[in-house]
């Protein structure tokens, strides 16, 4: 079986969250508004993971907060809240 669109994008978010570079942050923040709540939730986690690893928490906070305001799916909202909480643990100035 081949991964379908949502599964492929979810996996891409996880990969970028784990090993992505600062240049990947734009793609991940773009995925925060994807049509799939699964992709949005994984993108939120990945944004926080990448930002914490590369000291980009200040840059990452605004797109997460903006997307959270628009989020209507409860599971995705929970991921946004958790991602923001993880960012608050890091201080990059």
PDB file of N, CA and C in Angstrom:
ATOM      1  N   UNK A   1       0.830  -1.189   0.000  1.00  0.00           N
ATOM      2  CA  UNK A   1       0.000   0.000   0.000  1.00  0.00           C
ATOM      3  C   UNK A   1       0.874   1.252   0.000  1.00  0.00           C
ATOM      4  N   UNK A   2       0.425   2.224  -0.744  1.00  0.00           N
ATOM      5  CA  UNK A   2       1.130   3.500  -0.798  1.00  0.00           C
ATOM      6  C   UNK A   2       0.463   4.498   0.138  1.00  0.00           C
ATOM      7  N   UNK A   3       1.278   5.353   0.704  1.00  0.00           N
ATOM      8  CA  UNK A   3       0.737   6.402   1.567  1.00  0.00           C
ATOM      9  C   UNK A   3      -0.096   7.362   0.734  1.00  0.00           C
ATOM     10  N   UNK A   4      -1.198   7.752   1.266  1.00  0.00           N
ATOM     11  CA  UNK A   4      -2.038   8.744   0.603  1.00  0.00           C
ATOM     12  C   UNK A   4      -1.540  10.140   0.980  1.00  0.00           C
ATOM     13  N   UNK A   5      -2.155  11.156   0.420  1.00  0.00           N
ATOM     14  CA  UNK A   5      -1.704  12.532   0.591  1.00  0.00           C
ATOM     15  C   UNK A   5      -1.474  12.894   2.057  1.00  0.00           C
ATOM     16  N   UNK A   6      -2.495  12.706   2.903  1.00  0.00           N
ATOM     17  CA  UNK A   6      -2.370  13.118   4.304  1.00  0.00           C
ATOM     18  C   UNK A   6      -1.267  12.363   5.026  1.00  0.00           C
ATOM     19  N   UNK A   7      -1.153  11.068   4.760  1.00  0.00           N
ATOM     20  CA  UNK A   7      -0.100  10.275   5.389  1.00  0.00           C
ATOM     21  C   UNK A   7       1.282  10.699   4.933  1.00  0.00           C
ATOM     22  N   UNK A   8       1.409  11.001   3.665  1.00  0.00           N
ATOM     23  CA  UNK A   8       2.697  11.444   3.134  1.00  0.00           C
ATOM     24  C   UNK A   8       3.103  12.790   3.748  1.00  0.00           C
ATOM     25  N   UNK A   9       2.163  13.722   3.796  1.00  0.00           N
ATOM     26  CA  UNK A   9       2.471  15.027   4.380  1.00  0.00           C
ATOM     27  C   UNK A   9       2.727  14.936   5.879  1.00  0.00           C
ATOM     28  N   UNK A  10       1.973  14.087   6.560  1.00  0.00           N
ATOM     29  CA  UNK A  10       2.218  13.866   7.996  1.00  0.00           C
ATOM     30  C   UNK A  10       3.639  13.358   8.204  1.00  0.00           C
ATOM     31  N   UNK A  11       4.043  12.376   7.403  1.00  0.00           N
ATOM     32  CA  UNK A  11       5.392  11.822   7.524  1.00  0.00           C
ATOM     33  C   UNK A  11       6.458  12.857   7.201  1.00  0.00           C
ATOM     34  N   UNK A  12       6.194  13.709   6.219  1.00  0.00           N
ATOM     35  CA  UNK A  12       7.145  14.776   5.886  1.00  0.00           C
ATOM     36  C   UNK A  12       7.294  15.739   7.064  1.00  0.00           C
ATOM     37  N   UNK A  13       6.190  16.067   7.723  1.00  0.00           N
ATOM     38  CA  UNK A  13       6.256  16.941   8.896  1.00  0.00           C
ATOM     39  C   UNK A  13       7.103  16.310   9.997  1.00  0.00           C
ATOM     40  N   UNK A  14       6.885  15.040  10.244  1.00  0.00           N
ATOM     41  CA  UNK A  14       7.646  14.342  11.290  1.00  0.00           C
ATOM     42  C   UNK A  14       9.136  14.330  10.935  1.00  0.00           C
ATOM     43  N   UNK A  15       9.447  14.044   9.687  1.00  0.00           N
ATOM     44  CA  UNK A  15      10.856  14.021   9.264  1.00  0.00           C
ATOM     45  C   UNK A  15      11.494  15.396   9.434  1.00  0.00           C
ATOM     46  N   UNK A  16      10.797  16.443   9.009  1.00  0.00           N
ATOM     47  CA  UNK A  16      11.357  17.790   9.145  1.00  0.00           C
ATOM     48  C   UNK A  16      11.462  18.200  10.608  1.00  0.00           C
ATOM     49  N   UNK A  17      10.514  17.786  11.419  1.00  0.00           N
ATOM     50  CA  UNK A  17      10.605  18.086  12.843  1.00  0.00           C
ATOM     51  C   UNK A  17      11.807  17.423  13.490  1.00  0.00           C
ATOM     52  N   UNK A  18      12.128  16.239  13.014  1.00  0.00           N
ATOM     53  CA  UNK A  18      13.251  15.493  13.587  1.00  0.00           C
ATOM     54  C   UNK A  18      14.609  15.891  13.033  1.00  0.00           C
ATOM     55  N   UNK A  19      14.703  16.183  11.744  1.00  0.00           N
ATOM     56  CA  UNK A  19      16.016  16.427  11.140  1.00  0.00           C
ATOM     57  C   UNK A  19      16.055  17.640  10.211  1.00  0.00           C
ATOM     58  N   UNK A  20      14.983  18.415  10.184  1.00  0.00           N
ATOM     59  CA  UNK A  20      14.929  19.559   9.281  1.00  0.00           C
ATOM     60  C   UNK A  20      15.914  20.653   9.664  1.00  0.00           C
ATOM     61  N   UNK A  21      16.100  21.556   8.727  1.00  0.00           N
ATOM     62  CA  UNK A  21      16.992  22.696   8.909  1.00  0.00           C
ATOM     63  C   UNK A  21      16.146  23.962   9.072  1.00  0.00           C
ATOM     64  N   UNK A  22      16.748  25.066   9.481  1.00  0.00           N
ATOM     65  CA  UNK A  22      15.990  26.309   9.610  1.00  0.00           C
ATOM     66  C   UNK A  22      15.252  26.689   8.323  1.00  0.00           C
ATOM     67  N   UNK A  23      15.807  26.341   7.186  1.00  0.00           N
ATOM     68  CA  UNK A  23      15.156  26.642   5.919  1.00  0.00           C
ATOM     69  C   UNK A  23      13.846  25.900   5.711  1.00  0.00           C
ATOM     70  N   UNK A  24      13.606  24.867   6.500  1.00  0.00           N
ATOM     71  CA  UNK A  24      12.368  24.090   6.379  1.00  0.00           C
ATOM     72  C   UNK A  24      11.218  24.694   7.190  1.00  0.00           C
ATOM     73  N   UNK A  25      11.509  25.696   7.992  1.00  0.00           N
ATOM     74  CA  UNK A  25      10.473  26.275   8.842  1.00  0.00           C
ATOM     75  C   UNK A  25       9.326  26.860   8.024  1.00  0.00           C
ATOM     76  N   UNK A  26       9.619  27.474   6.888  1.00  0.00           N
ATOM     77  CA  UNK A  26       8.561  28.051   6.054  1.00  0.00           C
ATOM     78  C   UNK A  26       7.593  26.989   5.557  1.00  0.00           C
ATOM     79  N   UNK A  27       8.107  25.856   5.124  1.00  0.00           N
ATOM     80  CA  UNK A  27       7.231  24.780   4.652  1.00  0.00           C
ATOM     81  C   UNK A  27       6.351  24.270   5.786  1.00  0.00           C
ATOM     82  N   UNK A  28       6.921  24.147   6.956  1.00  0.00           N
ATOM     83  CA  UNK A  28       6.142  23.653   8.096  1.00  0.00           C
ATOM     84  C   UNK A  28       5.091  24.658   8.542  1.00  0.00           C
ATOM     85  N   UNK A  29       5.438  25.930   8.571  1.00  0.00           N
ATOM     86  CA  UNK A  29       4.431  26.914   8.966  1.00  0.00           C
ATOM     87  C   UNK A  29       3.326  27.001   7.907  1.00  0.00           C
ATOM     88  N   UNK A  30       3.661  26.755   6.662  1.00  0.00           N
ATOM     89  CA  UNK A  30       2.631  26.690   5.628  1.00  0.00           C
ATOM     90  C   UNK A  30       1.674  25.537   5.853  1.00  0.00           C
ATOM     91  N   UNK A  31       2.190  24.436   6.354  1.00  0.00           N
ATOM     92  CA  UNK A  31       1.364  23.251   6.608  1.00  0.00           C
ATOM     93  C   UNK A  31       0.426  23.440   7.799  1.00  0.00           C
ATOM     94  N   UNK A  32       0.625  24.491   8.585  1.00  0.00           N
ATOM     95  CA  UNK A  32      -0.267  24.759   9.715  1.00  0.00           C
ATOM     96  C   UNK A  32      -1.682  25.096   9.258  1.00  0.00           C
ATOM     97  N   UNK A  33      -1.842  25.418   7.989  1.00  0.00           N
ATOM     98  CA  UNK A  33      -3.165  25.746   7.452  1.00  0.00           C
ATOM     99  C   UNK A  33      -3.610  24.725   6.401  1.00  0.00           C
ATOM    100  N   UNK A  34      -3.001  23.570   6.391  1.00  0.00           N
ATOM    101  CA  UNK A  34      -3.380  22.520   5.446  1.00  0.00           C
ATOM    102  C   UNK A  34      -4.847  22.140   5.650  1.00  0.00           C
ATOM    103  N   UNK A  35      -5.446  21.560   4.633  1.00  0.00           N
ATOM    104  CA  UNK A  35      -6.860  21.160   4.731  1.00  0.00           C
ATOM    105  C   UNK A  35      -7.080  20.002   5.697  1.00  0.00           C
ATOM    106  N   UNK A  36      -6.030  19.234   5.982  1.00  0.00           N
ATOM    107  CA  UNK A  36      -6.147  18.062   6.843  1.00  0.00           C
ATOM    108  C   UNK A  36      -5.773  18.391   8.289  1.00  0.00           C
ATOM    109  N   UNK A  37      -6.669  18.105   9.247  1.00  0.00           N
ATOM    110  CA  UNK A  37      -6.319  18.328  10.650  1.00  0.00           C
ATOM    111  C   UNK A  37      -5.130  17.481  11.100  1.00  0.00           C
ATOM    112  N   UNK A  38      -4.983  16.302  10.523  1.00  0.00           N
ATOM    113  CA  UNK A  38      -3.835  15.449  10.863  1.00  0.00           C
ATOM    114  C   UNK A  38      -2.532  16.128  10.463  1.00  0.00           C
ATOM    115  N   UNK A  39      -2.495  16.670   9.279  1.00  0.00           N
ATOM    116  CA  UNK A  39      -1.294  17.372   8.805  1.00  0.00           C
ATOM    117  C   UNK A  39      -1.055  18.614   9.658  1.00  0.00           C
ATOM    118  N   UNK A  40      -2.098  19.381   9.934  1.00  0.00           N
ATOM    119  CA  UNK A  40      -1.940  20.595  10.751  1.00  0.00           C
ATOM    120  C   UNK A  40      -1.375  20.272  12.127  1.00  0.00           C
ATOM    121  N   UNK A  41      -1.895  19.228  12.764  1.00  0.00           N
ATOM    122  CA  UNK A  41      -1.411  18.857  14.088  1.00  0.00           C
ATOM    123  C   UNK A  41       0.042  18.418  14.082  1.00  0.00           C
ATOM    124  N   UNK A  42       0.409  17.618  13.092  1.00  0.00           N
ATOM    125  CA  UNK A  42       1.802  17.174  13.004  1.00  0.00           C
ATOM    126  C   UNK A  42       2.726  18.328  12.627  1.00  0.00           C
ATOM    127  N   UNK A  43       2.222  19.244  11.816  1.00  0.00           N
ATOM    128  CA  UNK A  43       3.024  20.417  11.462  1.00  0.00           C
ATOM    129  C   UNK A  43       3.295  21.262  12.701  1.00  0.00           C
ATOM    130  N   UNK A  44       2.303  21.408  13.572  1.00  0.00           N
ATOM    131  CA  UNK A  44       2.496  22.176  14.801  1.00  0.00           C
ATOM    132  C   UNK A  44       3.600  21.558  15.652  1.00  0.00           C
ATOM    133  N   UNK A  45       3.527  20.240  15.829  1.00  0.00           N
ATOM    134  CA  UNK A  45       4.585  19.567  16.596  1.00  0.00           C
ATOM    135  C   UNK A  45       5.942  19.799  15.940  1.00  0.00           C
ATOM    136  N   UNK A  46       5.989  19.660  14.616  1.00  0.00           N
ATOM    137  CA  UNK A  46       7.258  19.772  13.887  1.00  0.00           C
ATOM    138  C   UNK A  46       7.821  21.185  13.965  1.00  0.00           C
ATOM    139  N   UNK A  47       6.971  22.193  13.884  1.00  0.00           N
ATOM    140  CA  UNK A  47       7.437  23.573  14.011  1.00  0.00           C
ATOM    141  C   UNK A  47       8.129  23.761  15.354  1.00  0.00           C
ATOM    142  N   UNK A  48       7.502  23.288  16.420  1.00  0.00           N
ATOM    143  CA  UNK A  48       8.103  23.437  17.750  1.00  0.00           C
ATOM    144  C   UNK A  48       9.402  22.648  17.868  1.00  0.00           C
ATOM    145  N   UNK A  49       9.410  21.428  17.362  1.00  0.00           N
ATOM    146  CA  UNK A  49      10.619  20.603  17.455  1.00  0.00           C
ATOM    147  C   UNK A  49      11.778  21.241  16.700  1.00  0.00           C
ATOM    148  N   UNK A  50      11.518  21.685  15.479  1.00  0.00           N
ATOM    149  CA  UNK A  50      12.570  22.303  14.671  1.00  0.00           C
ATOM    150  C   UNK A  50      13.025  23.616  15.311  1.00  0.00           C
ATOM    151  N   UNK A  51      12.064  24.424  15.747  1.00  0.00           N
ATOM    152  CA  UNK A  51      12.402  25.718  16.348  1.00  0.00           C
ATOM    153  C   UNK A  51      13.223  25.548  17.622  1.00  0.00           C
ATOM    154  N   UNK A  52      12.854  24.602  18.459  1.00  0.00           N
ATOM    155  CA  UNK A  52      13.620  24.372  19.680  1.00  0.00           C
ATOM    156  C   UNK A  52      15.038  23.905  19.367  1.00  0.00           C
ATOM    157  N   UNK A  53      15.169  23.043  18.380  1.00  0.00           N
ATOM    158  CA  UNK A  53      16.486  22.502  18.038  1.00  0.00           C
ATOM    159  C   UNK A  53      17.412  23.572  17.471  1.00  0.00           C
ATOM    160  N   UNK A  54      16.841  24.541  16.753  1.00  0.00           N
ATOM    161  CA  UNK A  54      17.658  25.551  16.074  1.00  0.00           C
ATOM    162  C   UNK A  54      17.563  26.944  16.699  1.00  0.00           C
ATOM    163  N   UNK A  55      16.950  27.042  17.873  1.00  0.00           N
ATOM    164  CA  UNK A  55      16.865  28.333  18.549  1.00  0.00           C
ATOM    165  C   UNK A  55      15.999  29.345  17.824  1.00  0.00           C
ATOM    166  N   UNK A  56      14.901  28.891  17.253  1.00  0.00           N
ATOM    167  CA  UNK A  56      14.021  29.765  16.474  1.00  0.00           C
ATOM    168  C   UNK A  56      12.641  29.925  17.111  1.00  0.00           C
ATOM    169  N   UNK A  57      12.577  29.825  18.423  1.00  0.00           N
ATOM    170  CA  UNK A  57      11.267  29.815  19.072  1.00  0.00           C
ATOM    171  C   UNK A  57      10.521  31.132  18.910  1.00  0.00           C
ATOM    172  N   UNK A  58      11.213  32.247  18.919  1.00  0.00           N
ATOM    173  CA  UNK A  58      10.547  33.537  18.744  1.00  0.00           C
ATOM    174  C   UNK A  58       9.908  33.618  17.359  1.00  0.00           C
ATOM    175  N   UNK A  59      10.612  33.172  16.357  1.00  0.00           N
ATOM    176  CA  UNK A  59      10.105  33.189  14.987  1.00  0.00           C
ATOM    177  C   UNK A  59       8.933  32.228  14.822  1.00  0.00           C
ATOM    178  N   UNK A  60       8.982  31.099  15.479  1.00  0.00           N
ATOM    179  CA  UNK A  60       7.961  30.060  15.313  1.00  0.00           C
ATOM    180  C   UNK A  60       6.690  30.354  16.100  1.00  0.00           C
ATOM    181  N   UNK A  61       6.788  31.123  17.141  1.00  0.00           N
ATOM    182  CA  UNK A  61       5.633  31.342  18.013  1.00  0.00           C
ATOM    183  C   UNK A  61       4.472  32.021  17.290  1.00  0.00           C
ATOM    184  N   UNK A  62       4.740  33.049  16.519  1.00  0.00           N
ATOM    185  CA  UNK A  62       3.661  33.808  15.873  1.00  0.00           C
ATOM    186  C   UNK A  62       2.834  32.974  14.907  1.00  0.00           C
ATOM    187  N   UNK A  63       3.441  32.209  13.993  1.00  0.00           N
ATOM    188  CA  UNK A  63       2.594  31.404  13.102  1.00  0.00           C
ATOM    189  C   UNK A  63       1.776  30.352  13.851  1.00  0.00           C
ATOM    190  N   UNK A  64       2.325  29.797  14.920  1.00  0.00           N
ATOM    191  CA  UNK A  64       1.564  28.832  15.719  1.00  0.00           C
ATOM    192  C   UNK A  64       0.376  29.509  16.398  1.00  0.00           C
ATOM    193  N   UNK A  65       0.612  30.663  16.985  1.00  0.00           N
ATOM    194  CA  UNK A  65      -0.478  31.379  17.648  1.00  0.00           C
ATOM    195  C   UNK A  65      -1.554  31.799  16.647  1.00  0.00           C
ATOM    196  N   UNK A  66      -1.144  32.289  15.485  1.00  0.00           N
ATOM    197  CA  UNK A  66      -2.107  32.713  14.470  1.00  0.00           C
ATOM    198  C   UNK A  66      -2.932  31.544  13.961  1.00  0.00           C
ATOM    199  N   UNK A  67      -2.300  30.419  13.745  1.00  0.00           N
ATOM    200  CA  UNK A  67      -3.024  29.241  13.249  1.00  0.00           C
ATOM    201  C   UNK A  67      -3.950  28.675  14.323  1.00  0.00           C
ATOM    202  N   UNK A  68      -3.538  28.750  15.589  1.00  0.00           N
ATOM    203  CA  UNK A  68      -4.381  28.253  16.676  1.00  0.00           C
ATOM    204  C   UNK A  68      -5.707  29.008  16.726  1.00  0.00           C
ATOM    205  N   UNK A  69      -5.671  30.307  16.504  1.00  0.00           N
ATOM    206  CA  UNK A  69      -6.888  31.120  16.525  1.00  0.00           C
ATOM    207  C   UNK A  69      -7.896  30.624  15.488  1.00  0.00           C
ATOM    208  N   UNK A  70      -7.408  30.142  14.360  1.00  0.00           N
ATOM    209  CA  UNK A  70      -8.277  29.694  13.273  1.00  0.00           C
ATOM    210  C   UNK A  70      -8.643  28.212  13.348  1.00  0.00           C
ATOM    211  N   UNK A  71      -7.962  27.464  14.211  1.00  0.00           N
ATOM    212  CA  UNK A  71      -8.136  26.008  14.235  1.00  0.00           C
ATOM    213  C   UNK A  71      -9.484  25.615  14.835  1.00  0.00           C
ATOM    214  N   UNK A  72     -10.208  24.749  14.143  1.00  0.00           N
ATOM    215  CA  UNK A  72     -11.514  24.297  14.604  1.00  0.00           C
ATOM    216  C   UNK A  72     -11.544  22.821  15.009  1.00  0.00           C
ATOM    217  N   UNK A  73     -10.528  22.065  14.644  1.00  0.00           N
ATOM    218  CA  UNK A  73     -10.480  20.645  14.991  1.00  0.00           C
ATOM    219  C   UNK A  73      -9.870  20.491  16.385  1.00  0.00           C
ATOM    220  N   UNK A  74     -10.560  19.774  17.266  1.00  0.00           N
ATOM    221  CA  UNK A  74     -10.107  19.682  18.661  1.00  0.00           C
ATOM    222  C   UNK A  74      -8.757  18.974  18.803  1.00  0.00           C
ATOM    223  N   UNK A  75      -8.525  17.924  18.036  1.00  0.00           N
ATOM    224  CA  UNK A  75      -7.241  17.211  18.133  1.00  0.00           C
ATOM    225  C   UNK A  75      -6.095  18.087  17.623  1.00  0.00           C
ATOM    226  N   UNK A  76      -6.314  18.781  16.529  1.00  0.00           N
ATOM    227  CA  UNK A  76      -5.277  19.672  15.999  1.00  0.00           C
ATOM    228  C   UNK A  76      -5.037  20.831  16.970  1.00  0.00           C
ATOM    229  N   UNK A  77      -6.114  21.372  17.546  1.00  0.00           N
ATOM    230  CA  UNK A  77      -5.966  22.452  18.539  1.00  0.00           C
ATOM    231  C   UNK A  77      -5.082  22.006  19.697  1.00  0.00           C
ATOM    232  N   UNK A  78      -5.297  20.789  20.144  1.00  0.00           N
ATOM    233  CA  UNK A  78      -4.493  20.260  21.248  1.00  0.00           C
ATOM    234  C   UNK A  78      -3.015  20.225  20.866  1.00  0.00           C
ATOM    235  N   UNK A  79      -2.716  19.837  19.639  1.00  0.00           N
ATOM    236  CA  UNK A  79      -1.317  19.805  19.184  1.00  0.00           C
ATOM    237  C   UNK A  79      -0.721  21.213  19.130  1.00  0.00           C
ATOM    238  N   UNK A  80      -1.517  22.184  18.710  1.00  0.00           N
ATOM    239  CA  UNK A  80      -1.043  23.571  18.689  1.00  0.00           C
ATOM    240  C   UNK A  80      -0.723  24.047  20.102  1.00  0.00           C
ATOM    241  N   UNK A  81      -1.606  23.765  21.037  1.00  0.00           N
ATOM    242  CA  UNK A  81      -1.405  24.176  22.426  1.00  0.00           C
ATOM    243  C   UNK A  81      -0.151  23.514  22.994  1.00  0.00           C
ATOM    244  N   UNK A  82       0.012  22.227  22.742  1.00  0.00           N
ATOM    245  CA  UNK A  82       1.209  21.518  23.216  1.00  0.00           C
ATOM    246  C   UNK A  82       2.473  22.076  22.579  1.00  0.00           C
ATOM    247  N   UNK A  83       2.409  22.371  21.292  1.00  0.00           N
ATOM    248  CA  UNK A  83       3.579  22.925  20.593  1.00  0.00           C
ATOM    249  C   UNK A  83       3.957  24.273  21.191  1.00  0.00           C
ATOM    250  N   UNK A  84       2.974  25.120  21.436  1.00  0.00           N
ATOM    251  CA  UNK A  84       3.264  26.416  22.050  1.00  0.00           C
ATOM    252  C   UNK A  84       3.847  26.260  23.449  1.00  0.00           C
ATOM    253  N   UNK A  85       3.354  25.308  24.202  1.00  0.00           N
ATOM    254  CA  UNK A  85       3.901  25.056  25.534  1.00  0.00           C
ATOM    255  C   UNK A  85       5.361  24.616  25.449  1.00  0.00           C
ATOM    256  N   UNK A  86       5.676  23.806  24.450  1.00  0.00           N
ATOM    257  CA  UNK A  86       7.067  23.378  24.269  1.00  0.00           C
ATOM    258  C   UNK A  86       7.956  24.560  23.898  1.00  0.00           C
ATOM    259  N   UNK A  87       7.458  25.476  23.083  1.00  0.00           N
ATOM    260  CA  UNK A  87       8.240  26.660  22.718  1.00  0.00           C
ATOM    261  C   UNK A  87       8.530  27.526  23.930  1.00  0.00           C
ATOM    262  N   UNK A  88       7.587  27.617  24.810  1.00  0.00           N
ATOM    263  CA  UNK A  88       7.764  28.476  25.982  1.00  0.00           C
ATOM    264  C   UNK A  88       8.846  27.958  26.918  1.00  0.00           C
ATOM    265  N   UNK A  89       9.231  26.718  26.760  1.00  0.00           N
ATOM    266  CA  UNK A  89      10.300  26.157  27.608  1.00  0.00           C
ATOM    267  C   UNK A  89      11.681  26.618  27.140  1.00  0.00           C
ATOM    268  N   UNK A  90      11.759  27.049  25.899  1.00  0.00           N
ATOM    269  CA  UNK A  90      13.029  27.456  25.312  1.00  0.00           C
ATOM    270  C   UNK A  90      13.106  28.975  25.323  1.00  0.00           C
ATOM    271  N   UNK A  91      14.276  29.509  25.568  1.00  0.00           N
ATOM    272  CA  UNK A  91      14.441  30.959  25.533  1.00  0.00           C
ATOM    273  C   UNK A  91      15.540  31.299  24.539  1.00  0.00           C
ATOM    274  N   UNK A  92      15.131  31.912  23.441  1.00  0.00           N
ATOM    275  CA  UNK A  92      16.115  32.275  22.425  1.00  0.00           C
ATOM    276  C   UNK A  92      16.245  33.787  22.312  1.00  0.00           C
ATOM    277  N   UNK A  93      15.675  34.484  23.237  1.00  0.00           N
ATOM    278  CA  UNK A  93      15.826  35.936  23.244  1.00  0.00           C
ATOM    279  C   UNK A  93      14.700  36.557  22.580  1.00  0.00           C
TER     280      UNK A  93
END
